[in-house]
């Protein structure tokens, strides 16, 4: 059982967060803190001028609201929206929050492979990683 669990959330087509949340519940010690995080990559410099004013703030607010809705199903939970490269940002956040387990799904459609972010996290994490296919 783990006391501090990090669940990275990817907003992609056909992504179902419920699987990861069920695993996080199963791995949680009593009174565990479950943290839901989403990583937003930076918009390329050549595209930023085409984005409407305030788009990023609106998107971050919507993501935080959705994460909070899912987090409310746990006794103790936190949410964060990070910016940067997904693998490194997740591991940096996990270390800063003294996480003892990361629960994440591989987002490859080919079940024989693990995605690049999941591979990076599994290879470099200093805590337990529960990887779902």
N, C-alpha and C. Protein backbone atom coordinates (compact mmCIF):
# COMPACT_ATOMS: atom_id res chain seq x y z
N UNK A 1 0.84 -1.18 0.00
CA UNK A 1 0.00 0.00 0.00
C UNK A 1 0.89 1.25 0.00
N UNK A 2 0.40 2.26 -0.72
CA UNK A 2 1.19 3.48 -0.88
C UNK A 2 0.48 4.67 -0.26
N UNK A 3 1.27 5.58 0.30
CA UNK A 3 0.73 6.74 0.98
C UNK A 3 0.59 7.97 0.08
N UNK A 4 1.42 8.05 -0.96
CA UNK A 4 1.40 9.21 -1.86
C UNK A 4 1.49 8.70 -3.30
N UNK A 5 0.38 8.78 -4.00
CA UNK A 5 0.27 8.22 -5.35
C UNK A 5 0.05 9.34 -6.35
N UNK A 6 0.79 9.28 -7.43
CA UNK A 6 0.66 10.25 -8.51
C UNK A 6 0.03 9.56 -9.72
N UNK A 7 -1.01 10.18 -10.26
CA UNK A 7 -1.70 9.64 -11.44
C UNK A 7 -1.64 10.69 -12.55
N UNK A 8 -0.76 10.51 -13.54
CA UNK A 8 -0.74 11.41 -14.69
C UNK A 8 -1.99 11.18 -15.54
N UNK A 9 -2.60 12.25 -15.98
CA UNK A 9 -3.84 12.17 -16.77
C UNK A 9 -3.57 12.77 -18.15
N UNK A 10 -3.84 11.98 -19.17
CA UNK A 10 -3.67 12.43 -20.56
C UNK A 10 -5.04 12.66 -21.17
N UNK A 11 -5.22 13.81 -21.75
CA UNK A 11 -6.49 14.10 -22.43
C UNK A 11 -6.31 13.76 -23.91
N UNK A 12 -6.61 12.51 -24.24
CA UNK A 12 -6.48 12.01 -25.60
C UNK A 12 -7.76 11.29 -25.97
N UNK A 13 -8.03 11.12 -27.26
CA UNK A 13 -9.21 10.35 -27.66
C UNK A 13 -9.17 8.94 -27.08
N UNK A 14 -10.30 8.47 -26.65
CA UNK A 14 -10.46 7.12 -26.10
C UNK A 14 -9.70 6.88 -24.80
N UNK A 15 -9.24 7.92 -24.14
CA UNK A 15 -8.54 7.77 -22.87
C UNK A 15 -9.57 7.65 -21.76
N UNK A 16 -9.43 6.63 -20.92
CA UNK A 16 -10.37 6.40 -19.83
C UNK A 16 -9.62 6.46 -18.50
N UNK A 17 -9.76 7.54 -17.79
CA UNK A 17 -9.07 7.74 -16.52
C UNK A 17 -9.52 6.76 -15.44
N UNK A 18 -10.72 6.22 -15.58
CA UNK A 18 -11.27 5.35 -14.54
C UNK A 18 -10.39 4.14 -14.24
N UNK A 19 -9.76 3.59 -15.24
CA UNK A 19 -8.86 2.44 -15.00
C UNK A 19 -7.74 2.81 -14.05
N UNK A 20 -7.12 3.94 -14.28
CA UNK A 20 -6.02 4.38 -13.43
C UNK A 20 -6.51 4.73 -12.03
N UNK A 21 -7.67 5.34 -11.94
CA UNK A 21 -8.22 5.68 -10.63
C UNK A 21 -8.56 4.44 -9.82
N UNK A 22 -9.07 3.41 -10.47
CA UNK A 22 -9.35 2.14 -9.78
C UNK A 22 -8.07 1.52 -9.23
N UNK A 23 -7.01 1.55 -10.04
CA UNK A 23 -5.72 1.01 -9.59
C UNK A 23 -5.20 1.84 -8.43
N UNK A 24 -5.29 3.16 -8.53
CA UNK A 24 -4.82 4.03 -7.44
C UNK A 24 -5.58 3.73 -6.15
N UNK A 25 -6.88 3.50 -6.24
CA UNK A 25 -7.66 3.15 -5.05
C UNK A 25 -7.18 1.82 -4.47
N UNK A 26 -6.94 0.85 -5.33
CA UNK A 26 -6.51 -0.47 -4.87
C UNK A 26 -5.14 -0.43 -4.21
N UNK A 27 -4.27 0.47 -4.65
CA UNK A 27 -2.92 0.56 -4.12
C UNK A 27 -2.78 1.53 -2.95
N UNK A 28 -3.86 2.24 -2.63
CA UNK A 28 -3.81 3.28 -1.60
C UNK A 28 -3.85 2.71 -0.19
N UNK A 29 -2.96 3.21 0.64
CA UNK A 29 -3.02 2.94 2.07
C UNK A 29 -4.16 3.78 2.65
N UNK A 30 -4.62 3.47 3.85
CA UNK A 30 -5.62 4.34 4.48
C UNK A 30 -5.10 5.78 4.56
N UNK A 31 -5.96 6.72 4.24
CA UNK A 31 -5.61 8.15 4.26
C UNK A 31 -4.52 8.53 3.26
N UNK A 32 -4.38 7.77 2.20
CA UNK A 32 -3.38 8.09 1.17
C UNK A 32 -3.75 9.38 0.46
N UNK A 33 -2.75 10.07 -0.02
CA UNK A 33 -2.93 11.25 -0.85
C UNK A 33 -2.75 10.83 -2.30
N UNK A 34 -3.76 11.08 -3.12
CA UNK A 34 -3.70 10.76 -4.54
C UNK A 34 -3.66 12.08 -5.30
N UNK A 35 -2.63 12.26 -6.11
CA UNK A 35 -2.45 13.49 -6.87
C UNK A 35 -2.67 13.23 -8.35
N UNK A 36 -3.57 13.98 -8.95
CA UNK A 36 -3.83 13.88 -10.38
C UNK A 36 -3.13 15.04 -11.07
N UNK A 37 -2.35 14.73 -12.09
CA UNK A 37 -1.62 15.77 -12.81
C UNK A 37 -1.79 15.62 -14.31
N UNK A 38 -1.76 16.75 -14.98
CA UNK A 38 -1.75 16.77 -16.44
C UNK A 38 -0.59 17.66 -16.86
N UNK A 39 0.11 17.25 -17.89
CA UNK A 39 1.24 18.04 -18.41
C UNK A 39 0.86 18.61 -19.76
N UNK A 40 0.96 19.93 -19.86
CA UNK A 40 0.73 20.63 -21.13
C UNK A 40 2.09 20.95 -21.74
N UNK A 41 2.27 20.52 -22.96
CA UNK A 41 3.51 20.87 -23.65
C UNK A 41 3.41 22.29 -24.17
N UNK A 42 4.55 22.92 -24.32
CA UNK A 42 4.58 24.29 -24.82
C UNK A 42 4.13 24.32 -26.28
N UNK A 43 3.44 25.39 -26.63
CA UNK A 43 3.01 25.58 -28.01
C UNK A 43 4.22 26.05 -28.81
N UNK A 44 4.46 25.48 -29.98
CA UNK A 44 5.61 25.90 -30.79
C UNK A 44 5.54 27.40 -31.10
N UNK A 45 6.69 28.04 -31.12
CA UNK A 45 6.75 29.48 -31.32
C UNK A 45 6.05 29.93 -32.59
N UNK A 46 6.08 29.11 -33.64
CA UNK A 46 5.47 29.50 -34.90
C UNK A 46 3.95 29.45 -34.86
N UNK A 47 3.38 28.80 -33.87
CA UNK A 47 1.92 28.67 -33.78
C UNK A 47 1.30 29.62 -32.77
N UNK A 48 2.08 30.15 -31.86
CA UNK A 48 1.54 30.93 -30.75
C UNK A 48 0.78 32.16 -31.22
N UNK A 49 1.20 32.79 -32.30
CA UNK A 49 0.51 33.98 -32.80
C UNK A 49 -0.88 33.68 -33.34
N UNK A 50 -1.17 32.43 -33.62
CA UNK A 50 -2.47 32.05 -34.15
C UNK A 50 -3.47 31.65 -33.07
N UNK A 51 -3.02 31.62 -31.84
CA UNK A 51 -3.89 31.22 -30.74
C UNK A 51 -4.65 32.45 -30.22
N UNK A 52 -5.94 32.31 -29.89
CA UNK A 52 -6.70 33.45 -29.38
C UNK A 52 -6.21 33.85 -27.98
N UNK A 53 -6.39 35.12 -27.65
CA UNK A 53 -5.99 35.61 -26.34
C UNK A 53 -6.73 34.83 -25.25
N UNK A 54 -6.00 34.46 -24.22
CA UNK A 54 -6.60 33.79 -23.07
C UNK A 54 -6.87 32.31 -23.24
N UNK A 55 -6.49 31.73 -24.37
CA UNK A 55 -6.80 30.33 -24.62
C UNK A 55 -6.15 29.41 -23.59
N UNK A 56 -4.90 29.72 -23.23
CA UNK A 56 -4.17 28.85 -22.31
C UNK A 56 -4.80 28.87 -20.92
N UNK A 57 -5.14 30.04 -20.44
CA UNK A 57 -5.76 30.16 -19.12
C UNK A 57 -7.09 29.43 -19.08
N UNK A 58 -7.89 29.57 -20.13
CA UNK A 58 -9.18 28.87 -20.19
C UNK A 58 -8.99 27.35 -20.20
N UNK A 59 -8.01 26.89 -20.95
CA UNK A 59 -7.75 25.46 -21.02
C UNK A 59 -7.25 24.92 -19.68
N UNK A 60 -6.34 25.63 -19.04
CA UNK A 60 -5.83 25.21 -17.73
C UNK A 60 -6.97 25.16 -16.72
N UNK A 61 -7.84 26.16 -16.72
CA UNK A 61 -8.99 26.17 -15.81
C UNK A 61 -9.90 24.97 -16.05
N UNK A 62 -10.17 24.66 -17.31
CA UNK A 62 -11.04 23.53 -17.64
C UNK A 62 -10.40 22.21 -17.21
N UNK A 63 -9.11 22.08 -17.42
CA UNK A 63 -8.41 20.85 -17.01
C UNK A 63 -8.40 20.72 -15.49
N UNK A 64 -8.11 21.81 -14.79
CA UNK A 64 -8.13 21.77 -13.32
C UNK A 64 -9.51 21.38 -12.79
N UNK A 65 -10.54 21.92 -13.41
CA UNK A 65 -11.91 21.60 -13.00
C UNK A 65 -12.20 20.11 -13.19
N UNK A 66 -11.78 19.56 -14.32
CA UNK A 66 -12.01 18.14 -14.58
C UNK A 66 -11.20 17.27 -13.62
N UNK A 67 -9.95 17.63 -13.39
CA UNK A 67 -9.12 16.87 -12.45
C UNK A 67 -9.72 16.93 -11.05
N UNK A 68 -10.21 18.09 -10.64
CA UNK A 68 -10.82 18.24 -9.32
C UNK A 68 -12.06 17.37 -9.18
N UNK A 69 -12.82 17.25 -10.24
CA UNK A 69 -14.02 16.40 -10.22
C UNK A 69 -13.63 14.95 -9.95
N UNK A 70 -12.58 14.48 -10.61
CA UNK A 70 -12.11 13.11 -10.38
C UNK A 70 -11.45 12.97 -9.00
N UNK A 71 -10.72 13.99 -8.59
CA UNK A 71 -10.03 13.96 -7.30
C UNK A 71 -11.02 13.91 -6.14
N UNK A 72 -12.20 14.47 -6.33
CA UNK A 72 -13.21 14.50 -5.27
C UNK A 72 -13.68 13.11 -4.86
N UNK A 73 -13.36 12.10 -5.65
CA UNK A 73 -13.75 10.73 -5.31
C UNK A 73 -12.79 10.09 -4.31
N UNK A 74 -11.73 10.79 -3.93
CA UNK A 74 -10.76 10.30 -2.95
C UNK A 74 -10.89 11.10 -1.67
N UNK A 75 -10.51 10.49 -0.54
CA UNK A 75 -10.55 11.21 0.74
C UNK A 75 -9.56 12.36 0.76
N UNK A 76 -8.35 12.10 0.27
CA UNK A 76 -7.32 13.13 0.19
C UNK A 76 -6.77 13.15 -1.23
N UNK A 77 -6.83 14.29 -1.84
CA UNK A 77 -6.37 14.38 -3.24
C UNK A 77 -5.86 15.77 -3.54
N UNK A 78 -5.07 15.83 -4.59
CA UNK A 78 -4.57 17.09 -5.08
C UNK A 78 -4.56 17.06 -6.60
N UNK A 79 -4.52 18.24 -7.20
CA UNK A 79 -4.46 18.33 -8.66
C UNK A 79 -3.41 19.35 -9.04
N UNK A 80 -2.83 19.15 -10.22
CA UNK A 80 -1.85 20.10 -10.74
C UNK A 80 -1.85 20.02 -12.25
N UNK A 81 -1.66 21.18 -12.87
CA UNK A 81 -1.44 21.25 -14.31
C UNK A 81 -0.02 21.78 -14.48
N UNK A 82 0.81 20.96 -15.09
CA UNK A 82 2.22 21.27 -15.26
C UNK A 82 2.49 21.66 -16.70
N UNK A 83 3.62 22.29 -16.92
CA UNK A 83 4.02 22.64 -18.28
C UNK A 83 5.41 22.08 -18.55
N UNK A 84 5.58 21.51 -19.73
CA UNK A 84 6.88 21.00 -20.12
C UNK A 84 6.77 19.68 -20.84
N UNK A 85 7.87 18.97 -20.89
CA UNK A 85 7.90 17.64 -21.51
C UNK A 85 7.31 16.66 -20.50
N UNK A 86 6.41 15.81 -20.95
CA UNK A 86 5.60 14.99 -20.05
C UNK A 86 6.43 14.13 -19.09
N UNK A 87 7.30 13.31 -19.59
CA UNK A 87 8.05 12.39 -18.74
C UNK A 87 8.85 13.10 -17.67
N UNK A 88 9.63 14.07 -18.07
CA UNK A 88 10.46 14.80 -17.10
C UNK A 88 9.61 15.58 -16.12
N UNK A 89 8.55 16.22 -16.58
CA UNK A 89 7.68 17.00 -15.68
C UNK A 89 7.01 16.12 -14.64
N UNK A 90 6.57 14.95 -15.06
CA UNK A 90 5.93 14.02 -14.13
C UNK A 90 6.92 13.57 -13.07
N UNK A 91 8.13 13.20 -13.48
CA UNK A 91 9.14 12.75 -12.52
C UNK A 91 9.59 13.86 -11.60
N UNK A 92 9.74 15.06 -12.11
CA UNK A 92 10.11 16.20 -11.26
C UNK A 92 9.03 16.46 -10.21
N UNK A 93 7.77 16.39 -10.64
CA UNK A 93 6.65 16.61 -9.71
C UNK A 93 6.60 15.47 -8.68
N UNK A 94 6.81 14.26 -9.12
CA UNK A 94 6.79 13.11 -8.21
C UNK A 94 7.87 13.26 -7.14
N UNK A 95 9.04 13.69 -7.54
CA UNK A 95 10.13 13.86 -6.58
C UNK A 95 9.82 15.02 -5.62
N UNK A 96 9.33 16.13 -6.15
CA UNK A 96 9.01 17.29 -5.31
C UNK A 96 7.93 16.97 -4.28
N UNK A 97 7.01 16.08 -4.65
CA UNK A 97 5.90 15.73 -3.76
C UNK A 97 6.16 14.45 -2.95
N UNK A 98 7.36 13.91 -3.02
CA UNK A 98 7.74 12.70 -2.29
C UNK A 98 6.76 11.55 -2.55
N UNK A 99 6.45 11.35 -3.82
CA UNK A 99 5.52 10.31 -4.24
C UNK A 99 6.19 8.94 -4.07
N UNK A 100 5.41 7.95 -3.62
CA UNK A 100 5.99 6.61 -3.51
C UNK A 100 5.46 5.64 -4.56
N UNK A 101 4.51 6.09 -5.40
CA UNK A 101 4.04 5.26 -6.52
C UNK A 101 3.43 6.14 -7.60
N UNK A 102 3.76 5.84 -8.84
CA UNK A 102 3.16 6.50 -10.00
C UNK A 102 2.31 5.46 -10.72
N UNK A 103 1.05 5.79 -10.95
CA UNK A 103 0.14 4.89 -11.67
C UNK A 103 -0.12 5.53 -13.02
N UNK A 104 0.29 4.86 -14.11
CA UNK A 104 0.05 5.43 -15.42
C UNK A 104 -0.22 4.35 -16.45
N UNK A 105 -0.86 4.78 -17.50
CA UNK A 105 -1.20 3.87 -18.60
C UNK A 105 -0.27 4.14 -19.78
N UNK A 106 0.05 3.08 -20.49
CA UNK A 106 0.77 3.23 -21.74
C UNK A 106 -0.27 3.59 -22.79
N UNK A 107 -0.01 4.57 -23.59
CA UNK A 107 -1.00 5.06 -24.55
C UNK A 107 -0.73 4.59 -25.97
N UNK A 108 -0.02 3.50 -26.10
CA UNK A 108 0.23 2.92 -27.42
C UNK A 108 -0.96 2.08 -27.83
N UNK A 109 -1.36 2.18 -29.08
CA UNK A 109 -2.44 1.32 -29.56
C UNK A 109 -1.94 -0.10 -29.79
N UNK A 110 -0.65 -0.24 -30.02
CA UNK A 110 -0.04 -1.56 -30.18
C UNK A 110 0.30 -2.08 -28.79
N UNK A 111 -0.41 -3.08 -28.34
CA UNK A 111 -0.26 -3.60 -26.97
C UNK A 111 1.09 -4.27 -26.73
N UNK A 112 1.88 -4.50 -27.77
CA UNK A 112 3.17 -5.14 -27.58
C UNK A 112 4.27 -4.13 -27.24
N UNK A 113 3.93 -2.84 -27.30
CA UNK A 113 4.93 -1.81 -27.03
C UNK A 113 4.45 -0.90 -25.91
N UNK A 114 5.38 -0.22 -25.29
CA UNK A 114 5.08 0.77 -24.27
C UNK A 114 5.43 2.13 -24.85
N UNK A 115 4.60 3.11 -24.61
CA UNK A 115 4.84 4.45 -25.13
C UNK A 115 6.11 5.09 -24.58
N UNK A 116 6.55 6.12 -25.26
CA UNK A 116 7.82 6.76 -24.89
C UNK A 116 7.77 7.41 -23.52
N UNK A 117 6.65 8.04 -23.15
CA UNK A 117 6.55 8.67 -21.84
C UNK A 117 6.56 7.61 -20.75
N UNK A 118 5.79 6.55 -20.93
CA UNK A 118 5.75 5.47 -19.94
C UNK A 118 7.12 4.82 -19.79
N UNK A 119 7.81 4.63 -20.90
CA UNK A 119 9.15 4.05 -20.86
C UNK A 119 10.10 4.94 -20.09
N UNK A 120 10.05 6.24 -20.36
CA UNK A 120 10.93 7.20 -19.68
C UNK A 120 10.68 7.16 -18.17
N UNK A 121 9.41 7.19 -17.78
CA UNK A 121 9.06 7.20 -16.36
C UNK A 121 9.50 5.90 -15.70
N UNK A 122 9.20 4.77 -16.32
CA UNK A 122 9.58 3.47 -15.74
C UNK A 122 11.09 3.35 -15.59
N UNK A 123 11.82 3.89 -16.52
CA UNK A 123 13.28 3.78 -16.51
C UNK A 123 13.93 4.71 -15.48
N UNK A 124 13.35 5.90 -15.27
CA UNK A 124 14.02 6.92 -14.46
C UNK A 124 13.37 7.21 -13.11
N UNK A 125 12.23 6.64 -12.82
CA UNK A 125 11.55 6.93 -11.55
C UNK A 125 12.34 6.39 -10.37
N UNK A 126 12.31 7.12 -9.28
CA UNK A 126 12.96 6.68 -8.05
C UNK A 126 11.94 6.08 -7.08
N UNK A 127 10.71 5.94 -7.54
CA UNK A 127 9.66 5.32 -6.74
C UNK A 127 9.05 4.17 -7.54
N UNK A 128 8.10 3.47 -6.95
CA UNK A 128 7.42 2.39 -7.65
C UNK A 128 6.60 2.97 -8.81
N UNK A 129 6.49 2.19 -9.88
CA UNK A 129 5.67 2.57 -11.04
C UNK A 129 4.74 1.42 -11.34
N UNK A 130 3.46 1.73 -11.39
CA UNK A 130 2.47 0.72 -11.79
C UNK A 130 2.02 1.11 -13.21
N UNK A 131 2.45 0.34 -14.18
CA UNK A 131 2.19 0.63 -15.58
C UNK A 131 1.08 -0.26 -16.09
N UNK A 132 0.05 0.34 -16.66
CA UNK A 132 -1.08 -0.39 -17.21
C UNK A 132 -1.00 -0.37 -18.73
N UNK A 133 -1.39 -1.46 -19.34
CA UNK A 133 -1.45 -1.51 -20.80
C UNK A 133 -2.87 -1.27 -21.24
